[in-house]
C-alpha atoms as a PDB file:
ATOM      1  CA  UNK A   1     -93.064 115.673  10.561  1.00  0.00           C
ATOM      2  CA  UNK A   2     -89.605 117.209  10.757  1.00  0.00           C
ATOM      3  CA  UNK A   3     -87.006 116.414   8.116  1.00  0.00           C
ATOM      4  CA  UNK A   4     -84.323 113.970   9.252  1.00  0.00           C
ATOM      5  CA  UNK A   5     -80.774 113.684   7.922  1.00  0.00           C
ATOM      6  CA  UNK A   6     -78.884 110.466   8.682  1.00  0.00           C
ATOM      7  CA  UNK A   7     -75.103 110.178   8.749  1.00  0.00           C
ATOM      8  CA  UNK A   8     -73.880 106.598   8.717  1.00  0.00           C
ATOM      9  CA  UNK A   9     -70.171 106.001   9.254  1.00  0.00           C
ATOM     10  CA  UNK A  10     -68.325 102.697   9.040  1.00  0.00           C
ATOM     11  CA  UNK A  11     -64.780 101.725   9.871  1.00  0.00           C
ATOM     12  CA  UNK A  12     -62.807  98.509  10.182  1.00  0.00           C
ATOM     13  CA  UNK A  13     -63.023  96.896  13.603  1.00  0.00           C
ATOM     14  CA  UNK A  14     -59.641  95.182  13.387  1.00  0.00           C
ATOM     15  CA  UNK A  15     -57.541  96.158  16.388  1.00  0.00           C
ATOM     16  CA  UNK A  16     -54.334  96.152  14.339  1.00  0.00           C
ATOM     17  CA  UNK A  17     -55.624  99.233  12.493  1.00  0.00           C
ATOM     18  CA  UNK A  18     -55.891 101.263  15.693  1.00  0.00           C
ATOM     19  CA  UNK A  19     -53.225 103.856  16.479  1.00  0.00           C
ATOM     20  CA  UNK A  20     -50.496 102.503  18.742  1.00  0.00           C
ATOM     21  CA  UNK A  21     -51.119  98.882  17.800  1.00  0.00           C
ATOM     22  CA  UNK A  22     -48.191  96.495  18.319  1.00  0.00           C
ATOM     23  CA  UNK A  23     -49.079  94.309  15.316  1.00  0.00           C
ATOM     24  CA  UNK A  24     -48.713  95.317  11.679  1.00  0.00           C
ATOM     25  CA  UNK A  25     -52.024  95.352   9.774  1.00  0.00           C
ATOM     26  CA  UNK A  26     -52.673  92.929   6.912  1.00  0.00           C
ATOM     27  CA  UNK A  27     -53.260  95.482   4.160  1.00  0.00           C
ATOM     28  CA  UNK A  28     -54.206  92.738   1.672  1.00  0.00           C
ATOM     29  CA  UNK A  29     -57.603  92.709   3.385  1.00  0.00           C
ATOM     30  CA  UNK A  30     -58.122  96.344   2.361  1.00  0.00           C
ATOM     31  CA  UNK A  31     -56.067  96.551  -0.855  1.00  0.00           C
ATOM     32  CA  UNK A  32     -56.318  93.322  -2.902  1.00  0.00           C
ATOM     33  CA  UNK A  33     -53.448  94.613  -5.084  1.00  0.00           C
ATOM     34  CA  UNK A  34     -50.621  97.042  -4.375  1.00  0.00           C
ATOM     35  CA  UNK A  35     -52.210 100.531  -4.070  1.00  0.00           C
ATOM     36  CA  UNK A  36     -49.145 101.995  -5.834  1.00  0.00           C
ATOM     37  CA  UNK A  37     -49.527  99.623  -8.785  1.00  0.00           C
ATOM     38  CA  UNK A  38     -49.767 101.457 -12.108  1.00  0.00           C
ATOM     39  CA  UNK A  39     -52.489 100.629 -14.627  1.00  0.00           C
ATOM     40  CA  UNK A  40     -51.594  98.377 -17.566  1.00  0.00           C
ATOM     41  CA  UNK A  41     -51.489 101.425 -19.875  1.00  0.00           C
ATOM     42  CA  UNK A  42     -48.446 102.688 -17.950  1.00  0.00           C
ATOM     43  CA  UNK A  43     -46.370  99.484 -18.024  1.00  0.00           C
ATOM     44  CA  UNK A  44     -42.694 100.440 -18.329  1.00  0.00           C
ATOM     45  CA  UNK A  45     -43.215 104.001 -17.065  1.00  0.00           C
ATOM     46  CA  UNK A  46     -41.010 105.048 -14.151  1.00  0.00           C
ATOM     47  CA  UNK A  47     -43.162 106.244 -11.271  1.00  0.00           C
ATOM     48  CA  UNK A  48     -42.799 108.520  -9.473  1.00  0.00           C
ATOM     49  CA  UNK A  49     -40.824 110.434 -12.099  1.00  0.00           C
ATOM     50  CA  UNK A  50     -37.358 111.608 -11.111  1.00  0.00           C
ATOM     51  CA  UNK A  51     -36.865 115.321 -11.661  1.00  0.00           C
END
């Protein structure tokens, strides 16, 4: 009755996500909206800020 620890890992199977792939991945499958999109509270804010 030994204690067992499971590690379950998942990753996309799409070949276009593999390193060295000739085709560009369709990121809309992973990010339904632009990942750099600011929340509605920050509408009109310049991002990233220029220093």
